[in-house]
Structures are given as C-alpha cells and as structure tokens.
C-alpha atoms as a PDB file:
ATOM      1  CA  MET A   1      32.203 113.826 109.906  1.00  0.00           C
ATOM      2  CA  SER A   2      29.304 114.539 112.213  1.00  0.00           C
ATOM      3  CA  GLY A   3      28.863 112.770 115.494  1.00  0.00           C
ATOM      4  CA  PRO A   4      26.061 110.681 116.767  1.00  0.00           C
ATOM      5  CA  GLY A   5      22.742 112.460 116.973  1.00  0.00           C
ATOM      6  CA  SER A   6      23.772 115.048 114.394  1.00  0.00           C
ATOM      7  CA  LYS A   7      21.364 116.048 111.676  1.00  0.00           C
ATOM      8  CA  VAL A   8      23.350 116.401 108.482  1.00  0.00           C
ATOM      9  CA  CYS A   9      21.617 117.510 105.227  1.00  0.00           C
ATOM     10  CA  VAL A  10      22.000 114.827 102.576  1.00  0.00           C
ATOM     11  CA  ILE A  11      22.005 117.541  99.859  1.00  0.00           C
ATOM     12  CA  CYS A  12      24.506 120.164 101.119  1.00  0.00           C
ATOM     13  CA  GLY A  13      26.320 118.038 103.750  1.00  0.00           C
ATOM     14  CA  GLN A  14      25.924 120.723 106.428  1.00  0.00           C
ATOM     15  CA  ASP A  15      24.483 120.344 109.906  1.00  0.00           C
ATOM     16  CA  CYS A  16      20.829 121.357 109.766  1.00  0.00           C
ATOM     17  CA  SER A  17      20.028 120.960 113.477  1.00  0.00           C
ATOM     18  CA  GLY A  18      19.190 124.584 113.943  1.00  0.00           C
ATOM     19  CA  LYS A  19      17.532 125.050 110.560  1.00  0.00           C
ATOM     20  CA  PRO A  20      14.131 124.219 109.088  1.00  0.00           C
ATOM     21  CA  ARG A  21      14.564 120.681 107.862  1.00  0.00           C
ATOM     22  CA  ILE A  22      12.764 117.626 106.471  1.00  0.00           C
ATOM     23  CA  LYS A  23      13.143 114.010 107.540  1.00  0.00           C
ATOM     24  CA  ASP A  24      12.227 111.046 105.285  1.00  0.00           C
ATOM     25  CA  ALA A  25      11.006 107.548 106.215  1.00  0.00           C
ATOM     26  CA  TYR A  26      14.613 106.298 106.444  1.00  0.00           C
ATOM     27  CA  GLY A  27      15.767 108.878 109.032  1.00  0.00           C
ATOM     28  CA  HIS A  28      17.641 111.072 106.531  1.00  0.00           C
ATOM     29  CA  TYR A  29      17.625 114.849 106.939  1.00  0.00           C
ATOM     30  CA  ALA A  30      17.710 117.639 104.424  1.00  0.00           C
ATOM     31  CA  CYS A  31      17.560 121.397 104.721  1.00  0.00           C
ATOM     32  CA  LYS A  32      14.186 122.674 103.676  1.00  0.00           C
ATOM     33  CA  ALA A  33      15.913 125.351 101.589  1.00  0.00           C
ATOM     34  CA  CYS A  34      18.030 122.742  99.840  1.00  0.00           C
ATOM     35  CA  VAL A  35      14.960 120.641  99.022  1.00  0.00           C
ATOM     36  CA  GLU A  36      13.047 123.642  97.653  1.00  0.00           C
ATOM     37  CA  ALA A  37      16.095 124.724  95.626  1.00  0.00           C
ATOM     38  CA  LYS A  38      16.442 121.223  94.174  1.00  0.00           C
ATOM     39  CA  GLU A  39      12.753 121.054  93.275  1.00  0.00           C
ATOM     40  CA  GLY A  40      12.947 124.452  91.589  1.00  0.00           C
ATOM     41  CA  HIS A  41      16.012 123.375  89.614  1.00  0.00           C
ATOM     42  CA  ALA A  42      14.221 120.208  88.445  1.00  0.00           C
ATOM     43  CA  HIS A  43      11.179 122.138  87.213  1.00  0.00           C
ATOM     44  CA  HIS A  44      13.200 124.738  85.283  1.00  0.00           C
ATOM     45  CA  ALA A  45      16.117 122.716  84.006  1.00  0.00           C
ATOM     46  CA  ALA A  46      16.394 122.204  80.209  1.00  0.00           C
ATOM     47  CA  PRO A  47      15.675 118.622  79.000  1.00  0.00           C
ATOM     48  CA  ALA A  48      19.242 118.073  77.706  1.00  0.00           C
ATOM     49  CA  GLU A  49      19.508 114.347  78.430  1.00  0.00           C
ATOM     50  CA  PRO A  50      20.553 114.547  82.112  1.00  0.00           C
ATOM     51  CA  GLU A  51      22.042 111.514  83.770  1.00  0.00           C
ATOM     52  CA  PRO A  52      19.445 109.583  85.804  1.00  0.00           C
ATOM     53  CA  ALA A  53      19.821 110.471  89.488  1.00  0.00           C
ATOM     54  CA  ALA A  54      19.579 107.914  92.221  1.00  0.00           C
ATOM     55  CA  ASP A  55      16.618 108.203  94.530  1.00  0.00           C
ATOM     56  CA  ASP A  56      17.727 110.421  97.447  1.00  0.00           C
ATOM     57  CA  GLY A  57      14.749 109.441  99.574  1.00  0.00           C
ATOM     58  CA  PHE A  58      12.704 112.472  98.652  1.00  0.00           C
ATOM     59  CA  GLY A  59      11.408 111.230  95.267  1.00  0.00           C
ATOM     60  CA  LEU A  60      13.332 113.904  93.372  1.00  0.00           C
ATOM     61  CA  GLY A  61      14.956 111.393  91.029  1.00  0.00           C
ATOM     62  CA  ASP A  62      11.803 111.405  88.861  1.00  0.00           C
ATOM     63  CA  PHE A  63      12.795 114.869  87.659  1.00  0.00           C
ATOM     64  CA  TYR A  64      15.713 113.310  85.806  1.00  0.00           C
ATOM     65  CA  GLU A  65      13.774 110.694  83.735  1.00  0.00           C
ATOM     66  CA  GLU A  66      14.885 110.524  80.113  1.00  0.00           C
ATOM     67  CA  PRO A  67      12.428 112.495  77.927  1.00  0.00           C
ATOM     68  CA  GLN A  68      10.527 110.520  75.283  1.00  0.00           C
ATOM     69  CA  THR A  69      10.694 111.572  71.651  1.00  0.00           C
ATOM     70  CA  MET A  70       7.853 111.096  69.096  1.00  0.00           C
ATOM     71  CA  GLU A  71       8.455 110.175  65.493  1.00  0.00           C
ATOM     72  CA  ALA A  72       7.136 112.612  62.926  1.00  0.00           C
ATOM     73  CA  PRO A  73       4.116 111.216  60.944  1.00  0.00           C
ATOM     74  CA  VAL A  74       4.819 109.983  57.410  1.00  0.00           C
ATOM     75  CA  ALA A  75       3.082 112.045  54.736  1.00  0.00           C
ATOM     76  CA  THR A  76       0.765 109.988  52.474  1.00  0.00           C
ATOM     77  CA  MET A  77      -1.473 110.525  49.473  1.00  0.00           C
ATOM     78  CA  MET A  78      -4.124 108.513  47.600  1.00  0.00           C
ATOM     79  CA  CYS A  79      -3.139 106.349  44.622  1.00  0.00           C
ATOM     80  CA  PRO A  80      -4.863 107.708  41.465  1.00  0.00           C
ATOM     81  CA  GLY A  81      -5.324 104.151  40.220  1.00  0.00           C
ATOM     82  CA  CYS A  82      -6.808 102.149  43.092  1.00  0.00           C
ATOM     83  CA  GLY A  83      -7.264 104.760  45.829  1.00  0.00           C
ATOM     84  CA  SER A  84      -4.943 103.021  48.301  1.00  0.00           C
ATOM     85  CA  PRO A  85      -2.777 105.224  50.589  1.00  0.00           C
ATOM     86  CA  VAL A  86       0.845 105.511  49.440  1.00  0.00           C
ATOM     87  CA  GLU A  87       3.776 107.525  50.811  1.00  0.00           C
ATOM     88  CA  ALA A  88       4.082 111.017  49.364  1.00  0.00           C
ATOM     89  CA  GLU A  89       7.584 110.255  48.120  1.00  0.00           C
ATOM     90  CA  ALA A  90       6.580 106.931  46.471  1.00  0.00           C
ATOM     91  CA  VAL A  91       6.713 106.586  42.691  1.00  0.00           C
ATOM     92  CA  VAL A  92       4.812 103.307  42.101  1.00  0.00           C
ATOM     93  CA  CYS A  93       1.775 102.010  44.003  1.00  0.00           C
ATOM     94  CA  THR A  94       2.629  98.606  45.431  1.00  0.00           C
ATOM     95  CA  ARG A  95      -1.010  97.550  45.213  1.00  0.00           C
ATOM     96  CA  CYS A  96      -1.922  98.211  41.569  1.00  0.00           C
ATOM     97  CA  GLY A  97       1.479  99.016  40.042  1.00  0.00           C
ATOM     98  CA  ILE A  98       0.496 102.423  38.655  1.00  0.00           C
ATOM     99  CA  ASN A  99       2.956 105.349  38.558  1.00  0.00           C
ATOM    100  CA  VAL A 100       1.450 107.770  41.064  1.00  0.00           C
ATOM    101  CA  LYS A 101       3.189 110.710  39.409  1.00  0.00           C
ATOM    102  CA  THR A 102       1.998 110.081  35.828  1.00  0.00           C
ATOM    103  CA  GLY A 103      -1.126 107.984  36.560  1.00  0.00           C
ATOM    104  CA  LYS A 104       0.006 105.329  34.051  1.00  0.00           C
ATOM    105  CA  LYS A 105       1.362 101.797  34.277  1.00  0.00           C
ATOM    106  CA  SER A 106       4.736 100.893  32.879  1.00  0.00           C
ATOM    107  CA  PRO A 107       4.768  98.561  29.828  1.00  0.00           C
ATOM    108  CA  GLU A 108       6.310  95.803  31.946  1.00  0.00           C
ATOM    109  CA  ILE A 109       3.568  95.992  34.577  1.00  0.00           C
ATOM    110  CA  ARG A 110       0.825  96.132  31.921  1.00  0.00           C
ATOM    111  CA  ALA A 111       2.241  93.048  30.235  1.00  0.00           C
ATOM    112  CA  ALA A 112       2.490  91.156  33.527  1.00  0.00           C
ATOM    113  CA  THR A 113      -1.073  92.123  34.529  1.00  0.00           C
ATOM    114  CA  ALA A 114      -2.484  91.198  31.134  1.00  0.00           C
ATOM    115  CA  GLY A 115      -0.672  87.865  31.197  1.00  0.00           C
ATOM    116  CA  ALA A 116      -2.014  87.004  34.638  1.00  0.00           C
ATOM    117  CA  GLY A 117      -5.554  88.015  33.606  1.00  0.00           C
ATOM    118  CA  ALA A 118      -5.377  85.931  30.455  1.00  0.00           C
ATOM    119  CA  LYS A 119      -4.209  82.893  32.395  1.00  0.00           C
ATOM    120  CA  ALA A 120      -6.994  83.307  34.963  1.00  0.00           C
ATOM    121  CA  ALA A 121      -9.619  83.718  32.234  1.00  0.00           C
ATOM    122  CA  ALA A 122      -8.292  80.672  30.397  1.00  0.00           C
ATOM    123  CA  ALA A 123      -8.418  78.616  33.585  1.00  0.00           C
ATOM    124  CA  VAL A 124     -12.000  79.664  34.353  1.00  0.00           C
ATOM    125  CA  GLY A 125     -13.090  79.164  30.758  1.00  0.00           C
ATOM    126  CA  GLY A 126     -11.499  75.739  30.631  1.00  0.00           C
ATOM    127  CA  ALA A 127     -13.214  74.649  33.847  1.00  0.00           C
ATOM    128  CA  VAL A 128     -16.607  75.777  32.507  1.00  0.00           C
ATOM    129  CA  ALA A 129     -16.162  74.384  28.995  1.00  0.00           C
ATOM    130  CA  ALA A 130     -14.770  70.981  30.017  1.00  0.00           C
ATOM    131  CA  PRO A 131     -18.133  69.395  30.984  1.00  0.00           C
ATOM    132  CA  VAL A 132     -19.619  70.667  27.711  1.00  0.00           C
ATOM    133  CA  PHE A 133     -16.981  68.850  25.670  1.00  0.00           C
ATOM    134  CA  TRP A 134     -17.341  65.779  27.874  1.00  0.00           C
ATOM    135  CA  THR A 135     -21.096  65.750  27.292  1.00  0.00           C
ATOM    136  CA  ILE A 136     -20.822  66.216  23.537  1.00  0.00           C
ATOM    137  CA  GLY A 137     -18.223  63.471  23.190  1.00  0.00           C
ATOM    138  CA  GLY A 138     -19.969  61.085  25.574  1.00  0.00           C
ATOM    139  CA  LEU A 139     -23.399  61.504  23.995  1.00  0.00           C
ATOM    140  CA  ALA A 140     -21.942  61.089  20.521  1.00  0.00           C
ATOM    141  CA  GLY A 141     -20.302  57.800  21.469  1.00  0.00           C
ATOM    142  CA  GLY A 142     -23.189  56.554  23.591  1.00  0.00           C
ATOM    143  CA  LEU A 143     -25.825  57.356  20.975  1.00  0.00           C
ATOM    144  CA  ILE A 144     -23.819  55.587  18.264  1.00  0.00           C
ATOM    145  CA  GLY A 145     -23.814  52.468  20.416  1.00  0.00           C
ATOM    146  CA  ALA A 146     -27.491  52.904  21.219  1.00  0.00           C
ATOM    147  CA  GLY A 147     -28.238  53.266  17.507  1.00  0.00           C
ATOM    148  CA  VAL A 148     -26.537  49.947  16.787  1.00  0.00           C
ATOM    149  CA  TRP A 149     -28.520  48.338  19.597  1.00  0.00           C
ATOM    150  CA  ALA A 150     -31.790  49.755  18.234  1.00  0.00           C
ATOM    151  CA  ALA A 151     -30.959  48.624  14.683  1.00  0.00           C
ATOM    152  CA  VAL A 152     -30.404  45.068  15.899  1.00  0.00           C
ATOM    153  CA  ALA A 153     -33.751  45.160  17.690  1.00  0.00           C
ATOM    154  CA  ALA A 154     -35.501  46.528  14.588  1.00  0.00           C
ATOM    155  CA  PHE A 155     -34.089  44.134  12.004  1.00  0.00           C
ATOM    156  CA  LEU A 156     -33.551  40.982  14.052  1.00  0.00           C
ATOM    157  CA  HIS A 157     -36.602  41.508  16.305  1.00  0.00           C
ATOM    158  CA  VAL A 158     -34.491  40.641  19.318  1.00  0.00           C
ATOM    159  CA  GLU A 159     -32.861  42.667  22.080  1.00  0.00           C
ATOM    160  CA  LEU A 160     -29.235  41.739  22.812  1.00  0.00           C
ATOM    161  CA  GLY A 161     -28.290  42.973  26.274  1.00  0.00           C
ATOM    162  CA  TRP A 162     -24.542  42.573  25.834  1.00  0.00           C
ATOM    163  CA  ILE A 163     -24.552  45.428  23.297  1.00  0.00           C
ATOM    164  CA  ALA A 164     -25.056  47.717  26.323  1.00  0.00           C
ATOM    165  CA  TRP A 165     -21.415  47.063  27.192  1.00  0.00           C
ATOM    166  CA  GLY A 166     -20.438  48.529  23.843  1.00  0.00           C
ATOM    167  CA  VAL A 167     -22.587  51.593  24.560  1.00  0.00           C
ATOM    168  CA  GLY A 168     -20.589  52.214  27.750  1.00  0.00           C
ATOM    169  CA  VAL A 169     -17.270  51.738  25.966  1.00  0.00           C
ATOM    170  CA  LEU A 170     -18.198  54.233  23.242  1.00  0.00           C
ATOM    171  CA  ALA A 171     -19.477  56.731  25.807  1.00  0.00           C
ATOM    172  CA  GLY A 172     -16.178  56.491  27.694  1.00  0.00           C
ATOM    173  CA  ILE A 173     -14.175  56.975  24.490  1.00  0.00           C
ATOM    174  CA  GLY A 174     -16.294  59.996  23.592  1.00  0.00           C
ATOM    175  CA  VAL A 175     -15.722  61.670  26.970  1.00  0.00           C
ATOM    176  CA  MET A 176     -12.007  60.849  26.817  1.00  0.00           C
ATOM    177  CA  MET A 177     -11.772  62.535  23.416  1.00  0.00           C
ATOM    178  CA  GLY A 178     -13.690  65.534  24.734  1.00  0.00           C
ATOM    179  CA  ALA A 179     -11.260  65.746  27.664  1.00  0.00           C
ATOM    180  CA  LYS A 180      -8.296  65.350  25.273  1.00  0.00           C
ATOM    181  CA  GLY A 181      -6.933  62.510  27.341  1.00  0.00           C
ATOM    182  CA  ASN A 182      -6.849  64.569  30.577  1.00  0.00           C
ATOM    183  CA  GLY A 183     -10.037  63.323  32.160  1.00  0.00           C
ATOM    184  CA  GLY A 184      -9.470  62.210  35.714  1.00  0.00           C
ATOM    185  CA  VAL A 185     -12.078  61.089  38.185  1.00  0.00           C
ATOM    186  CA  MET A 186     -14.645  63.788  37.323  1.00  0.00           C
ATOM    187  CA  ALA A 187     -14.551  62.909  33.616  1.00  0.00           C
ATOM    188  CA  GLY A 188     -14.912  59.240  34.549  1.00  0.00           C
ATOM    189  CA  LEU A 189     -17.996  59.922  36.648  1.00  0.00           C
ATOM    190  CA  TRP A 190     -19.386  62.083  33.843  1.00  0.00           C
ATOM    191  CA  ALA A 191     -18.913  59.249  31.340  1.00  0.00           C
ATOM    192  CA  ALA A 192     -20.487  56.718  33.715  1.00  0.00           C
ATOM    193  CA  GLY A 193     -23.585  58.901  34.041  1.00  0.00           C
ATOM    194  CA  ILE A 194     -23.859  59.366  30.277  1.00  0.00           C
ATOM    195  CA  ALA A 195     -23.462  55.629  29.730  1.00  0.00           C
ATOM    196  CA  LEU A 196     -26.234  54.870  32.216  1.00  0.00           C
ATOM    197  CA  VAL A 197     -28.564  57.384  30.537  1.00  0.00           C
ATOM    198  CA  CYS A 198     -27.818  56.037  27.051  1.00  0.00           C
ATOM    199  CA  VAL A 199     -28.344  52.422  28.117  1.00  0.00           C
ATOM    200  CA  ALA A 200     -31.704  53.257  29.740  1.00  0.00           C
ATOM    201  CA  ALA A 201     -32.764  55.365  26.744  1.00  0.00           C
ATOM    202  CA  GLU A 202     -31.823  52.585  24.330  1.00  0.00           C
ATOM    203  CA  LYS A 203     -33.758  50.056  26.396  1.00  0.00           C
ATOM    204  CA  PHE A 204     -36.901  52.147  26.057  1.00  0.00           C
ATOM    205  CA  GLY A 205     -36.056  52.778  22.417  1.00  0.00           C
ATOM    206  CA  ALA A 206     -35.814  49.068  21.643  1.00  0.00           C
ATOM    207  CA  ILE A 207     -39.170  48.452  23.309  1.00  0.00           C
ATOM    208  CA  ALA A 208     -40.695  51.345  21.345  1.00  0.00           C
ATOM    209  CA  ILE A 209     -39.404  49.863  18.074  1.00  0.00           C
ATOM    210  CA  LEU A 210     -40.854  46.457  18.869  1.00  0.00           C
ATOM    211  CA  MET A 211     -44.204  48.021  19.812  1.00  0.00           C
ATOM    212  CA  HIS A 212     -44.203  50.026  16.597  1.00  0.00           C
ATOM    213  CA  GLN A 213     -43.649  46.858  14.626  1.00  0.00           C
ATOM    214  CA  ALA A 214     -46.594  45.348  16.492  1.00  0.00           C
ATOM    215  CA  GLY A 215     -48.823  48.116  15.091  1.00  0.00           C
ATOM    216  CA  PHE A 216     -49.226  50.375  18.113  1.00  0.00           C
ATOM    217  CA  ASP A 217     -48.170  53.444  16.131  1.00  0.00           C
ATOM    218  CA  ASP A 218     -50.143  52.695  12.981  1.00  0.00           C
ATOM    219  CA  MET A 219     -53.562  53.593  14.367  1.00  0.00           C
ATOM    220  CA  THR A 220     -55.576  56.024  12.226  1.00  0.00           C
ATOM    221  CA  ARG A 221     -58.775  57.998  12.781  1.00  0.00           C
ATOM    222  CA  ALA A 222     -60.733  55.142  11.187  1.00  0.00           C
ATOM    223  CA  ASP A 223     -59.179  52.630  13.612  1.00  0.00           C
ATOM    224  CA  TYR A 224     -60.045  54.742  16.637  1.00  0.00           C
ATOM    225  CA  GLU A 225     -63.566  55.271  15.272  1.00  0.00           C
ATOM    226  CA  ARG A 226     -63.989  51.522  14.798  1.00  0.00           C
ATOM    227  CA  PHE A 227     -63.135  50.943  18.468  1.00  0.00           C
ATOM    228  CA  ALA A 228     -65.496  53.765  19.458  1.00  0.00           C
ATOM    229  CA  MET A 229     -68.321  52.063  17.542  1.00  0.00           C
ATOM    230  CA  MET A 230     -67.492  48.824  19.314  1.00  0.00           C
ATOM    231  CA  GLY A 231     -68.274  50.689  22.516  1.00  0.00           C
ATOM    232  CA  VAL A 232     -71.700  51.576  21.108  1.00  0.00           C
ATOM    233  CA  ALA A 233     -72.123  47.916  20.041  1.00  0.00           C
ATOM    234  CA  ASP A 234     -71.506  46.861  23.640  1.00  0.00           C
ATOM    235  CA  GLU A 235     -74.357  49.135  24.729  1.00  0.00           C
ATOM    236  CA  VAL A 236     -76.654  47.581  22.096  1.00  0.00           C
ATOM    237  CA  ILE A 237     -75.766  44.022  23.116  1.00  0.00           C
ATOM    238  CA  ASP A 238     -76.365  44.839  26.787  1.00  0.00           C
ATOM    239  CA  GLN A 239     -79.853  46.210  25.974  1.00  0.00           C
ATOM    240  CA  PHE A 240     -80.801  43.320  23.673  1.00  0.00           C
ATOM    241  CA  GLU A 241     -79.759  40.598  26.087  1.00  0.00           C
ATOM    242  CA  ASN A 242     -80.380  42.094  29.541  1.00  0.00           C
ATOM    243  CA  VAL A 243     -83.276  44.477  28.903  1.00  0.00           C
ATOM    244  CA  ASP A 244     -85.189  43.079  25.947  1.00  0.00           C
ATOM    245  CA  GLY A 245     -84.362  39.435  26.780  1.00  0.00           C
ATOM    246  CA  ARG A 246     -83.359  38.678  23.198  1.00  0.00           C
ATOM    247  CA  GLU A 247     -81.033  35.812  22.387  1.00  0.00           C
ATOM    248  CA  LEU A 248     -78.326  36.803  19.918  1.00  0.00           C
ATOM    249  CA  ALA A 249     -76.978  34.339  17.365  1.00  0.00           C
ATOM    250  CA  TRP A 250     -73.183  34.461  17.149  1.00  0.00           C
ATOM    251  CA  PRO A 251     -71.247  32.650  14.418  1.00  0.00           C
ATOM    252  CA  GLU A 252     -70.669  28.997  15.212  1.00  0.00           C
ATOM    253  CA  GLY A 253     -67.710  28.458  17.502  1.00  0.00           C
ATOM    254  CA  LEU A 254     -67.396  32.147  18.417  1.00  0.00           C
ATOM    255  CA  THR A 255     -68.437  34.095  21.464  1.00  0.00           C
ATOM    256  CA  TYR A 256     -68.846  37.786  22.114  1.00  0.00           C
ATOM    257  CA  ASP A 257     -65.268  38.084  23.373  1.00  0.00           C
ATOM    258  CA  GLU A 258     -63.828  36.317  20.313  1.00  0.00           C
ATOM    259  CA  ALA A 259     -65.876  37.911  17.526  1.00  0.00           C
ATOM    260  CA  GLU A 260     -64.354  40.647  15.302  1.00  0.00           C
ATOM    261  CA  TRP A 261     -66.271  43.851  14.650  1.00  0.00           C
ATOM    262  CA  PRO A 262     -68.278  44.147  12.470  1.00  0.00           C
ATOM    263  CA  ASP A 263     -67.984  41.023  10.287  1.00  0.00           C
ATOM    264  CA  GLU A 264     -68.602  38.457  13.044  1.00  0.00           C
ATOM    265  CA  TYR A 265     -71.264  40.369  14.989  1.00  0.00           C
ATOM    266  CA  PRO A 266     -75.002  39.519  14.672  1.00  0.00           C
ATOM    267  CA  PRO A 267     -76.584  41.593  11.830  1.00  0.00           C
ATOM    268  CA  GLU A 268     -79.184  43.180  14.081  1.00  0.00           C
ATOM    269  CA  VAL A 269     -76.452  44.379  16.451  1.00  0.00           C
ATOM    270  CA  VAL A 270     -74.452  45.881  13.563  1.00  0.00           C
ATOM    271  CA  GLU A 271     -77.517  47.636  12.150  1.00  0.00           C
ATOM    272  CA  GLU A 272     -78.588  49.118  15.509  1.00  0.00           C
ATOM    273  CA  THR A 273     -75.018  50.201  16.267  1.00  0.00           C
ATOM    274  CA  HIS A 274     -74.745  52.150  12.987  1.00  0.00           C
ATOM    275  CA  THR A 275     -78.133  53.725  13.625  1.00  0.00           C
ATOM    276  CA  ARG A 276     -77.134  54.955  17.061  1.00  0.00           C
ATOM    277  CA  TRP A 277     -73.707  56.138  15.885  1.00  0.00           C
ATOM    278  CA  ASP A 278     -75.171  58.136  13.052  1.00  0.00           C
ATOM    279  CA  ALA A 279     -77.659  59.691  15.473  1.00  0.00           C
ATOM    280  CA  LEU A 280     -74.836  61.124  17.589  1.00  0.00           C
ATOM    281  CA  ALA A 281     -73.768  64.714  17.000  1.00  0.00           C
ATOM    282  CA  ARG A 282     -70.391  65.187  15.332  1.00  0.00           C
ATOM    283  CA  SER A 283     -68.946  66.613  18.530  1.00  0.00           C
ATOM    284  CA  GLU A 284     -70.090  63.537  20.469  1.00  0.00           C
ATOM    285  CA  GLN A 285     -68.505  61.234  17.887  1.00  0.00           C
ATOM    286  CA  ASP A 286     -65.236  63.189  18.076  1.00  0.00           C
ATOM    287  CA  GLN A 287     -65.253  63.015  21.858  1.00  0.00           C
ATOM    288  CA  ARG A 288     -65.707  59.246  21.821  1.00  0.00           C
ATOM    289  CA  VAL A 289     -62.884  58.862  19.279  1.00  0.00           C
ATOM    290  CA  HIS A 290     -60.664  61.100  21.436  1.00  0.00           C
ATOM    291  CA  ASP A 291     -61.425  59.004  24.535  1.00  0.00           C
ATOM    292  CA  VAL A 292     -60.462  55.834  22.673  1.00  0.00           C
ATOM    293  CA  LYS A 293     -57.201  57.433  21.510  1.00  0.00           C
ATOM    294  CA  ASP A 294     -56.321  58.466  25.080  1.00  0.00           C
ATOM    295  CA  ALA A 295     -57.106  54.967  26.337  1.00  0.00           C
ATOM    296  CA  PHE A 296     -54.758  53.481  23.745  1.00  0.00           C
ATOM    297  CA  GLY A 297     -52.018  55.933  24.763  1.00  0.00           C
ATOM    298  CA  GLU A 298     -52.300  54.911  28.390  1.00  0.00           C
ATOM    299  CA  TYR A 299     -52.338  51.255  27.415  1.00  0.00           C
ATOM    300  CA  LYS A 300     -49.218  51.731  25.289  1.00  0.00           C
ATOM    301  CA  ALA A 301     -47.368  53.423  28.165  1.00  0.00           C
ATOM    302  CA  THR A 302     -48.399  50.663  30.539  1.00  0.00           C
ATOM    303  CA  VAL A 303     -47.200  47.976  28.132  1.00  0.00           C
ATOM    304  CA  ALA A 304     -43.866  49.763  27.581  1.00  0.00           C
ATOM    305  CA  LYS A 305     -43.288  50.210  31.303  1.00  0.00           C
ATOM    306  CA  GLY A 306     -44.230  46.617  31.998  1.00  0.00           C
ATOM    307  CA  ALA A 307     -41.940  45.380  29.234  1.00  0.00           C
ATOM    308  CA  PHE A 308     -39.018  47.417  30.620  1.00  0.00           C
ATOM    309  CA  VAL A 309     -39.459  46.132  34.180  1.00  0.00           C
ATOM    310  CA  ASP A 310     -40.588  42.581  33.412  1.00  0.00           C
ATOM    311  CA  ASP A 311     -37.899  42.052  30.777  1.00  0.00           C
ATOM    312  CA  LEU A 312     -35.144  43.259  33.135  1.00  0.00           C
ATOM    313  CA  ASN A 313     -33.055  40.307  34.290  1.00  0.00           C
ATOM    314  CA  PHE A 314     -29.729  39.503  35.889  1.00  0.00           C
ATOM    315  CA  PHE A 315     -27.817  39.725  32.629  1.00  0.00           C
ATOM    316  CA  ASP A 316     -29.289  43.141  31.819  1.00  0.00           C
ATOM    317  CA  VAL A 317     -28.000  44.396  35.180  1.00  0.00           C
ATOM    318  CA  LEU A 318     -24.635  42.721  34.591  1.00  0.00           C
ATOM    319  CA  TRP A 319     -24.169  44.258  31.125  1.00  0.00           C
ATOM    320  CA  GLY A 320     -25.304  47.607  32.451  1.00  0.00           C
ATOM    321  CA  PHE A 321     -22.691  47.424  35.211  1.00  0.00           C
ATOM    322  CA  PHE A 322     -19.990  46.577  32.681  1.00  0.00           C
ATOM    323  CA  ALA A 323     -21.105  49.536  30.551  1.00  0.00           C
ATOM    324  CA  VAL A 324     -20.888  52.027  33.444  1.00  0.00           C
ATOM    325  CA  ALA A 325     -17.592  50.631  34.756  1.00  0.00           C
ATOM    326  CA  SER A 326     -15.992  50.629  31.307  1.00  0.00           C
ATOM    327  CA  ALA A 327     -17.098  54.199  30.621  1.00  0.00           C
ATOM    328  CA  PHE A 328     -15.601  55.359  33.919  1.00  0.00           C
ATOM    329  CA  LYS A 329     -12.356  53.477  33.416  1.00  0.00           C
ATOM    330  CA  ILE A 330     -11.773  54.746  29.889  1.00  0.00           C
ATOM    331  CA  ALA A 331     -12.738  58.382  30.468  1.00  0.00           C
ATOM    332  CA  SER A 332     -10.781  58.696  33.742  1.00  0.00           C
ATOM    333  CA  GLY A 333      -7.625  57.441  32.083  1.00  0.00           C
ATOM    334  CA  GLY A 334      -7.450  54.242  34.112  1.00  0.00           C
ATOM    335  CA  THR A 335      -4.977  55.678  36.650  1.00  0.00           C
ATOM    336  CA  ASP A 336      -4.256  54.162  40.029  1.00  0.00           C
ATOM    337  CA  GLU A 337      -6.352  56.931  41.632  1.00  0.00           C
ATOM    338  CA  THR A 338      -9.431  55.681  39.793  1.00  0.00           C
END
C-alpha cells in the first residue's frame, strides 16, 4: 500500500510519481501510458458483448456500452387483388381474402363475400323501397275514403266532416299494409302526412262537385258569347242614357240589374247590341269571349277558395286531427314509443 502523498496509477496500481501521468477531478492518478493503452484497446476491441465497466474517472466506461442490434426488414409484395402490401411469405391477403399465389379467392371466401354483399344490397334496397310501399298503400286507403266522402257530397248534396276520420283510418291501414306491420315512427309520420293530404284534397273535391252541380262546369261557347254580348249591351245602355239622354223602358217591376238578357231588355237595346256585335271582326269577338271565359275561371277559383276557408269550422279541424292521429297510430303499430 502506498503512503500519504503517493501517486498510484488507478489502472496498473504502480507508483507514477516519476512518470508522465494524468489527474482527474477527483484527485485520482493514472499513468499516461496506461490511459493511452486503455483507449487503444477500447477502439480496437471486438464488440463481443463485454461486461459494462464502471466509470474509472476518465470516461473510458463508454467504450464498453452494449452494442445495439437492428432487426432485418420484412420482405413484402403487393396483393394482386387489392394492391395492399402483404408479407412475401403470406398466402392469403388479410384485406381482400385473395390467394396471393394463385390470384383467386377460395370458395369459402367467395361465398362469405357474396353473402355479405347480398345482405347489404337487400338492406339498402329495403330502405329505399319502404317509402314507396308506404305511399302506395297510404294513398290507396286515403283515396278510397276520399271517394266515399265525395260520393256522399255528390248524391246527398251535403259535406259530412266526420268522414275525414275514416279517411285517416284507411290511410293508416294502407301504410301499415305497405310496411307489412313493421312501420314504426317513420311509417306513422308518413301515414299522417298522407292522411292530411287526402283530407285536404277531398275537401276541395267536395267543393268542386258542388260547384259542378251548380252549373259552373257546364258553360259552353254560346254561354260565354251571351255574356260577352251583355258587355256590349252595357255599352249601348250607357250611351243611350248618359250620352243621348234617352229614357229606356224596362219591363214592369224589373230594373237593369234584375233583367235577363236578352228577353227582358228593351228592344232598342237588343237591336243595337246585335248590330254592334255583328260589326266586330271575328278575332275581336273571339277575344271578348276568351276574356269572359278567363273571368269566369278566376271567379270559380275565388268561390272555391272562399268556400274552403269560410266553410272551415271547429268540427272540421277536430275531425282532421282525429284523421291524422289515427293514421299515425295505426301505421306506427301503436307501440309505447309512439
């Protein structure tokens, strides 16, 4: 053992007082030759998994770190079916199921793929076709009910609002049949919409029937021409009374507004009216007849609209609500969810 003040090499254990030496930050000494020999050994030693060396104060332990190994890359190729990368040793592509060696699918995989495709197509087709069947069934039922309602209006000359409830019931049954009993909320809403449309259409239909019976649709060319000549008669009367100052003799008890053309008009007015009408060109006569026809069409639409709105009452709204609610309830299946 060396005494105090000695300078012992930590590598070879010999006194290095009289030799070239190196001192680290901790006061340890080492022969310069030993340090250079150790560094040279570290640089040229084979990487055969040496034991990690403790730090000797000169940072030489780093030469003994365990070498890192890299894994060899896995060879891959492209799948001939879908183009996805697969291992070179693989037989079946995990993405499309094709045999990468033969380029064909096994019968089992083809059957499974075809079955899945058929199920998907059936599901999509069913979702698209369902509203079509709902509409056909709902319209069939709703229009049958509307036809009954219209027949009552035509033959009894009365409109019974409670029949609208039956229209909704039949519309709901029609949608339920179209849905084959598996309607749900969407089928219920579909039936409610169809019921509302059928009830509104029947309401207009009943009004149209009543107006037809009143003669609105029986107008002919002669009728329109008669009203056109009445327009000419008005011009004649205005000239006779307000321009010429003539006093016209109307049948006893009748006035201008009450008299029927031409039988109850003054003879001189009838004669002058025919003269002026005959003097018009054919195109002018046709134009006047066409104007009268358009005026009657607008009047008919106004009357129909007014009848629909004015005739609407609390019970019409009530029966309409029952129709829509019944259609929804029946078509949806009446489950707790609905």
